[in-house]
Amino acid sequence: MSKHWYADYTASITNGDDKLTVNKVRGCNWADIIIETDSLEAGEIMLRNREQAEQLHFMLGQLLERRDDE
């Protein structure tokens, strides 16, 4: 088992009344990503395996990539 399997954590970032939270429970690969907009829950994503997390990582990397034409 990897160290990730045994990890148990919550991380949040808040900007005004908006909040993004990632929860990962010990003993499973699943993680929940919860978004609140204007202090109201606006959506939730459940990542159920490493492949989903890797794909989300790739997509966010594409959004954050610096482009020379900007």
PDB file of N, CA and C in Angstrom:
ATOM      1  N   MET A   1       0.833  -1.193   0.000  1.00  0.00           N
ATOM      2  CA  MET A   1       0.000   0.000   0.000  1.00  0.00           C
ATOM      3  C   MET A   1       0.874   1.252   0.000  1.00  0.00           C
ATOM      4  N   SER A   2       0.420   2.261  -0.708  1.00  0.00           N
ATOM      5  CA  SER A   2       1.176   3.505  -0.781  1.00  0.00           C
ATOM      6  C   SER A   2       0.887   4.388   0.436  1.00  0.00           C
ATOM      7  N   LYS A   3       1.750   5.382   0.622  1.00  0.00           N
ATOM      8  CA  LYS A   3       1.528   6.354   1.700  1.00  0.00           C
ATOM      9  C   LYS A   3       0.203   7.084   1.492  1.00  0.00           C
ATOM     10  N   HIS A   4      -0.158   7.281   0.213  1.00  0.00           N
ATOM     11  CA  HIS A   4      -1.415   7.965  -0.108  1.00  0.00           C
ATOM     12  C   HIS A   4      -2.609   7.222   0.499  1.00  0.00           C
ATOM     13  N   TRP A   5      -2.572   5.903   0.476  1.00  0.00           N
ATOM     14  CA  TRP A   5      -3.669   5.083   1.009  1.00  0.00           C
ATOM     15  C   TRP A   5      -3.924   5.421   2.473  1.00  0.00           C
ATOM     16  N   TYR A   6      -2.857   5.646   3.229  1.00  0.00           N
ATOM     17  CA  TYR A   6      -2.971   5.891   4.670  1.00  0.00           C
ATOM     18  C   TYR A   6      -3.172   7.366   5.004  1.00  0.00           C
ATOM     19  N   ALA A   7      -3.113   8.219   4.005  1.00  0.00           N
ATOM     20  CA  ALA A   7      -3.272   9.656   4.253  1.00  0.00           C
ATOM     21  C   ALA A   7      -4.723   9.998   4.578  1.00  0.00           C
ATOM     22  N   ASP A   8      -4.887  10.963   5.438  1.00  0.00           N
ATOM     23  CA  ASP A   8      -6.199  11.483   5.815  1.00  0.00           C
ATOM     24  C   ASP A   8      -6.028  12.992   5.889  1.00  0.00           C
ATOM     25  N   TYR A   9      -6.659  13.739   4.979  1.00  0.00           N
ATOM     26  CA  TYR A   9      -6.444  15.175   4.999  1.00  0.00           C
ATOM     27  C   TYR A   9      -7.627  15.945   4.428  1.00  0.00           C
ATOM     28  N   THR A  10      -7.645  17.207   4.784  1.00  0.00           N
ATOM     29  CA  THR A  10      -8.591  18.169   4.237  1.00  0.00           C
ATOM     30  C   THR A  10      -7.812  19.439   3.941  1.00  0.00           C
ATOM     31  N   ALA A  11      -8.020  19.991   2.770  1.00  0.00           N
ATOM     32  CA  ALA A  11      -7.389  21.256   2.393  1.00  0.00           C
ATOM     33  C   ALA A  11      -8.456  22.156   1.794  1.00  0.00           C
ATOM     34  N   SER A  12      -8.427  23.430   2.162  1.00  0.00           N
ATOM     35  CA  SER A  12      -9.410  24.388   1.656  1.00  0.00           C
ATOM     36  C   SER A  12      -8.730  25.682   1.253  1.00  0.00           C
ATOM     37  N   ILE A  13      -9.331  26.327   0.278  1.00  0.00           N
ATOM     38  CA  ILE A  13      -8.924  27.675  -0.114  1.00  0.00           C
ATOM     39  C   ILE A  13     -10.197  28.520  -0.169  1.00  0.00           C
ATOM     40  N   THR A  14     -10.135  29.694   0.438  1.00  0.00           N
ATOM     41  CA  THR A  14     -11.297  30.582   0.486  1.00  0.00           C
ATOM     42  C   THR A  14     -10.942  31.900  -0.185  1.00  0.00           C
ATOM     43  N   ASN A  15     -11.889  32.403  -0.969  1.00  0.00           N
ATOM     44  CA  ASN A  15     -11.736  33.696  -1.619  1.00  0.00           C
ATOM     45  C   ASN A  15     -13.068  34.405  -1.472  1.00  0.00           C
ATOM     46  N   GLY A  16     -13.144  35.323  -0.542  1.00  0.00           N
ATOM     47  CA  GLY A  16     -14.417  35.990  -0.260  1.00  0.00           C
ATOM     48  C   GLY A  16     -15.415  34.980   0.276  1.00  0.00           C
ATOM     49  N   ASP A  17     -16.576  34.876  -0.382  1.00  0.00           N
ATOM     50  CA  ASP A  17     -17.607  33.919   0.018  1.00  0.00           C
ATOM     51  C   ASP A  17     -17.516  32.604  -0.747  1.00  0.00           C
ATOM     52  N   ASP A  18     -16.457  32.417  -1.532  1.00  0.00           N
ATOM     53  CA  ASP A  18     -16.263  31.186  -2.305  1.00  0.00           C
ATOM     54  C   ASP A  18     -15.212  30.319  -1.613  1.00  0.00           C
ATOM     55  N   LYS A  19     -15.433  29.005  -1.669  1.00  0.00           N
ATOM     56  CA  LYS A  19     -14.527  28.089  -0.987  1.00  0.00           C
ATOM     57  C   LYS A  19     -14.396  26.800  -1.790  1.00  0.00           C
ATOM     58  N   LEU A  20     -13.182  26.293  -1.889  1.00  0.00           N
ATOM     59  CA  LEU A  20     -12.902  25.016  -2.545  1.00  0.00           C
ATOM     60  C   LEU A  20     -12.232  24.117  -1.512  1.00  0.00           C
ATOM     61  N   THR A  21     -12.785  22.924  -1.311  1.00  0.00           N
ATOM     62  CA  THR A  21     -12.284  21.994  -0.299  1.00  0.00           C
ATOM     63  C   THR A  21     -12.012  20.641  -0.930  1.00  0.00           C
ATOM     64  N   VAL A  22     -10.875  20.032  -0.560  1.00  0.00           N
ATOM     65  CA  VAL A  22     -10.546  18.670  -0.960  1.00  0.00           C
ATOM     66  C   VAL A  22     -10.462  17.825   0.312  1.00  0.00           C
ATOM     67  N   ASN A  23     -11.217  16.726   0.352  1.00  0.00           N
ATOM     68  CA  ASN A  23     -11.209  15.795   1.484  1.00  0.00           C
ATOM     69  C   ASN A  23     -10.756  14.435   1.004  1.00  0.00           C
ATOM     70  N   LYS A  24      -9.820  13.824   1.720  1.00  0.00           N
ATOM     71  CA  LYS A  24      -9.358  12.475   1.418  1.00  0.00           C
ATOM     72  C   LYS A  24      -9.375  11.696   2.721  1.00  0.00           C
ATOM     73  N   VAL A  25     -10.034  10.543   2.722  1.00  0.00           N
ATOM     74  CA  VAL A  25     -10.196   9.738   3.930  1.00  0.00           C
ATOM     75  C   VAL A  25      -9.155   8.627   3.957  1.00  0.00           C
ATOM     76  N   ARG A  26      -8.626   8.342   5.132  1.00  0.00           N
ATOM     77  CA  ARG A  26      -7.639   7.272   5.314  1.00  0.00           C
ATOM     78  C   ARG A  26      -8.230   5.927   4.906  1.00  0.00           C
ATOM     79  N   GLY A  27      -7.428   5.134   4.210  1.00  0.00           N
ATOM     80  CA  GLY A  27      -7.831   3.782   3.868  1.00  0.00           C
ATOM     81  C   GLY A  27      -8.603   3.651   2.569  1.00  0.00           C
ATOM     82  N   CYS A  28      -8.608   4.686   1.746  1.00  0.00           N
ATOM     83  CA  CYS A  28      -9.255   4.575   0.437  1.00  0.00           C
ATOM     84  C   CYS A  28      -8.592   5.540  -0.539  1.00  0.00           C
ATOM     85  N   ASN A  29      -8.814   5.315  -1.804  1.00  0.00           N
ATOM     86  CA  ASN A  29      -8.250   6.190  -2.836  1.00  0.00           C
ATOM     87  C   ASN A  29      -9.186   7.335  -3.188  1.00  0.00           C
ATOM     88  N   TRP A  30     -10.388   7.332  -2.654  1.00  0.00           N
ATOM     89  CA  TRP A  30     -11.375   8.335  -3.025  1.00  0.00           C
ATOM     90  C   TRP A  30     -11.069   9.675  -2.399  1.00  0.00           C
ATOM     91  N   ALA A  31     -11.423  10.735  -3.112  1.00  0.00           N
ATOM     92  CA  ALA A  31     -11.317  12.103  -2.603  1.00  0.00           C
ATOM     93  C   ALA A  31     -12.534  12.883  -3.082  1.00  0.00           C
ATOM     94  N   ASP A  32     -13.033  13.744  -2.250  1.00  0.00           N
ATOM     95  CA  ASP A  32     -14.159  14.613  -2.602  1.00  0.00           C
ATOM     96  C   ASP A  32     -13.649  16.031  -2.785  1.00  0.00           C
ATOM     97  N   ILE A  33     -14.106  16.678  -3.842  1.00  0.00           N
ATOM     98  CA  ILE A  33     -13.807  18.082  -4.089  1.00  0.00           C
ATOM     99  C   ILE A  33     -15.137  18.815  -4.028  1.00  0.00           C
ATOM    100  N   ILE A  34     -15.228  19.770  -3.118  1.00  0.00           N
ATOM    101  CA  ILE A  34     -16.496  20.479  -2.878  1.00  0.00           C
ATOM    102  C   ILE A  34     -16.278  21.967  -3.138  1.00  0.00           C
ATOM    103  N   ILE A  35     -17.185  22.558  -3.921  1.00  0.00           N
ATOM    104  CA  ILE A  35     -17.109  23.991  -4.208  1.00  0.00           C
ATOM    105  C   ILE A  35     -18.321  24.683  -3.588  1.00  0.00           C
ATOM    106  N   GLU A  36     -18.051  25.789  -2.920  1.00  0.00           N
ATOM    107  CA  GLU A  36     -19.116  26.640  -2.389  1.00  0.00           C
ATOM    108  C   GLU A  36     -19.007  27.994  -3.063  1.00  0.00           C
ATOM    109  N   THR A  37     -20.123  28.509  -3.517  1.00  0.00           N
ATOM    110  CA  THR A  37     -20.183  29.830  -4.133  1.00  0.00           C
ATOM    111  C   THR A  37     -21.153  30.671  -3.322  1.00  0.00           C
ATOM    112  N   ASP A  38     -20.729  31.854  -2.932  1.00  0.00           N
ATOM    113  CA  ASP A  38     -21.536  32.725  -2.067  1.00  0.00           C
ATOM    114  C   ASP A  38     -22.019  31.971  -0.831  1.00  0.00           C
ATOM    115  N   SER A  39     -21.125  31.169  -0.252  1.00  0.00           N
ATOM    116  CA  SER A  39     -21.360  30.394   0.977  1.00  0.00           C
ATOM    117  C   SER A  39     -22.401  29.288   0.825  1.00  0.00           C
ATOM    118  N   LEU A  40     -22.810  28.952  -0.400  1.00  0.00           N
ATOM    119  CA  LEU A  40     -23.757  27.861  -0.646  1.00  0.00           C
ATOM    120  C   LEU A  40     -23.060  26.773  -1.449  1.00  0.00           C
ATOM    121  N   GLU A  41     -23.303  25.496  -1.099  1.00  0.00           N
ATOM    122  CA  GLU A  41     -22.680  24.407  -1.841  1.00  0.00           C
ATOM    123  C   GLU A  41     -23.137  24.454  -3.293  1.00  0.00           C
ATOM    124  N   ALA A  42     -22.181  24.495  -4.210  1.00  0.00           N
ATOM    125  CA  ALA A  42     -22.493  24.653  -5.627  1.00  0.00           C
ATOM    126  C   ALA A  42     -22.187  23.397  -6.431  1.00  0.00           C
ATOM    127  N   GLY A  43     -21.454  22.453  -5.852  1.00  0.00           N
ATOM    128  CA  GLY A  43     -21.151  21.234  -6.586  1.00  0.00           C
ATOM    129  C   GLY A  43     -20.126  20.382  -5.864  1.00  0.00           C
ATOM    130  N   GLU A  44     -20.071  19.129  -6.284  1.00  0.00           N
ATOM    131  CA  GLU A  44     -19.131  18.197  -5.675  1.00  0.00           C
ATOM    132  C   GLU A  44     -18.646  17.210  -6.730  1.00  0.00           C
ATOM    133  N   ILE A  45     -17.371  16.890  -6.674  1.00  0.00           N
ATOM    134  CA  ILE A  45     -16.765  15.893  -7.548  1.00  0.00           C
ATOM    135  C   ILE A  45     -16.180  14.811  -6.658  1.00  0.00           C
ATOM    136  N   MET A  46     -16.426  13.559  -6.988  1.00  0.00           N
ATOM    137  CA  MET A  46     -15.812  12.458  -6.266  1.00  0.00           C
ATOM    138  C   MET A  46     -14.811  11.776  -7.192  1.00  0.00           C
ATOM    139  N   LEU A  47     -13.539  11.820  -6.811  1.00  0.00           N
ATOM    140  CA  LEU A  47     -12.503  11.108  -7.548  1.00  0.00           C
ATOM    141  C   LEU A  47     -12.389   9.727  -6.929  1.00  0.00           C
ATOM    142  N   ARG A  48     -12.594   8.688  -7.737  1.00  0.00           N
ATOM    143  CA  ARG A  48     -12.646   7.338  -7.188  1.00  0.00           C
ATOM    144  C   ARG A  48     -11.389   6.519  -7.447  1.00  0.00           C
ATOM    145  N   ASN A  49     -10.455   7.071  -8.227  1.00  0.00           N
ATOM    146  CA  ASN A  49      -9.225   6.325  -8.472  1.00  0.00           C
ATOM    147  C   ASN A  49      -8.124   7.272  -8.927  1.00  0.00           C
ATOM    148  N   ARG A  50      -6.937   6.741  -8.991  1.00  0.00           N
ATOM    149  CA  ARG A  50      -5.763   7.530  -9.356  1.00  0.00           C
ATOM    150  C   ARG A  50      -5.873   8.090 -10.770  1.00  0.00           C
ATOM    151  N   GLU A  51      -6.416   7.305 -11.692  1.00  0.00           N
ATOM    152  CA  GLU A  51      -6.526   7.753 -13.079  1.00  0.00           C
ATOM    153  C   GLU A  51      -7.376   9.009 -13.189  1.00  0.00           C
ATOM    154  N   GLN A  52      -8.463   9.080 -12.439  1.00  0.00           N
ATOM    155  CA  GLN A  52      -9.299  10.280 -12.463  1.00  0.00           C
ATOM    156  C   GLN A  52      -8.534  11.477 -11.912  1.00  0.00           C
ATOM    157  N   ALA A  53      -7.779  11.272 -10.846  1.00  0.00           N
ATOM    158  CA  ALA A  53      -6.989  12.359 -10.262  1.00  0.00           C
ATOM    159  C   ALA A  53      -5.922  12.828 -11.252  1.00  0.00           C
ATOM    160  N   GLU A  54      -5.285  11.878 -11.941  1.00  0.00           N
ATOM    161  CA  GLU A  54      -4.270  12.249 -12.931  1.00  0.00           C
ATOM    162  C   GLU A  54      -4.876  13.037 -14.092  1.00  0.00           C
ATOM    163  N   GLN A  55      -6.063  12.655 -14.531  1.00  0.00           N
ATOM    164  CA  GLN A  55      -6.714  13.373 -15.637  1.00  0.00           C
ATOM    165  C   GLN A  55      -7.099  14.780 -15.204  1.00  0.00           C
ATOM    166  N   LEU A  56      -7.620  14.922 -13.983  1.00  0.00           N
ATOM    167  CA  LEU A  56      -7.949  16.256 -13.469  1.00  0.00           C
ATOM    168  C   LEU A  56      -6.686  17.097 -13.357  1.00  0.00           C
ATOM    169  N   HIS A  57      -5.607  16.517 -12.891  1.00  0.00           N
ATOM    170  CA  HIS A  57      -4.316  17.205 -12.791  1.00  0.00           C
ATOM    171  C   HIS A  57      -3.877  17.705 -14.167  1.00  0.00           C
ATOM    172  N   PHE A  58      -3.999  16.852 -15.182  1.00  0.00           N
ATOM    173  CA  PHE A  58      -3.628  17.236 -16.546  1.00  0.00           C
ATOM    174  C   PHE A  58      -4.487  18.400 -17.039  1.00  0.00           C
ATOM    175  N   MET A  59      -5.811  18.290 -16.859  1.00  0.00           N
ATOM    176  CA  MET A  59      -6.713  19.345 -17.349  1.00  0.00           C
ATOM    177  C   MET A  59      -6.439  20.674 -16.656  1.00  0.00           C
ATOM    178  N   LEU A  60      -6.221  20.652 -15.333  1.00  0.00           N
ATOM    179  CA  LEU A  60      -5.919  21.891 -14.613  1.00  0.00           C
ATOM    180  C   LEU A  60      -4.572  22.453 -15.059  1.00  0.00           C
ATOM    181  N   GLY A  61      -3.617  21.581 -15.325  1.00  0.00           N
ATOM    182  CA  GLY A  61      -2.328  22.024 -15.842  1.00  0.00           C
ATOM    183  C   GLY A  61      -2.476  22.745 -17.165  1.00  0.00           C
ATOM    184  N   GLN A  62      -3.368  22.235 -18.027  1.00  0.00           N
ATOM    185  CA  GLN A  62      -3.610  22.887 -19.309  1.00  0.00           C
ATOM    186  C   GLN A  62      -4.219  24.273 -19.111  1.00  0.00           C
ATOM    187  N   LEU A  63      -5.132  24.396 -18.144  1.00  0.00           N
ATOM    188  CA  LEU A  63      -5.742  25.703 -17.863  1.00  0.00           C
ATOM    189  C   LEU A  63      -4.723  26.698 -17.330  1.00  0.00           C
ATOM    190  N   LEU A  64      -3.760  26.214 -16.560  1.00  0.00           N
ATOM    191  CA  LEU A  64      -2.794  27.093 -15.907  1.00  0.00           C
ATOM    192  C   LEU A  64      -1.535  27.334 -16.731  1.00  0.00           C
ATOM    193  N   GLU A  65      -1.384  26.596 -17.819  1.00  0.00           N
ATOM    194  CA  GLU A  65      -0.187  26.720 -18.634  1.00  0.00           C
ATOM    195  C   GLU A  65      -0.058  28.128 -19.200  1.00  0.00           C
ATOM    196  N   ARG A  66       1.102  28.666 -19.085  1.00  0.00           N
ATOM    197  CA  ARG A  66       1.363  30.002 -19.641  1.00  0.00           C
ATOM    198  C   ARG A  66       1.505  29.874 -21.142  1.00  0.00           C
ATOM    199  N   ARG A  67       0.784  30.713 -21.851  1.00  0.00           N
ATOM    200  CA  ARG A  67       0.851  30.711 -23.293  1.00  0.00           C
ATOM    201  C   ARG A  67       1.590  31.958 -23.767  1.00  0.00           C
ATOM    202  N   ASP A  68       2.428  31.809 -24.780  1.00  0.00           N
ATOM    203  CA  ASP A  68       3.197  32.925 -25.303  1.00  0.00           C
ATOM    204  C   ASP A  68       2.316  33.952 -26.007  1.00  0.00           C
ATOM    205  N   ASP A  69       1.131  33.539 -26.477  1.00  0.00           N
ATOM    206  CA  ASP A  69       0.254  34.447 -27.219  1.00  0.00           C
ATOM    207  C   ASP A  69      -0.646  35.283 -26.304  1.00  0.00           C
ATOM    208  N   GLU A  70      -0.515  35.137 -24.990  1.00  0.00           N
ATOM    209  CA  GLU A  70      -1.358  35.919 -24.076  1.00  0.00           C
ATOM    210  C   GLU A  70      -0.643  37.146 -23.586  1.00  0.00           C
TER     211      GLU A  70
END
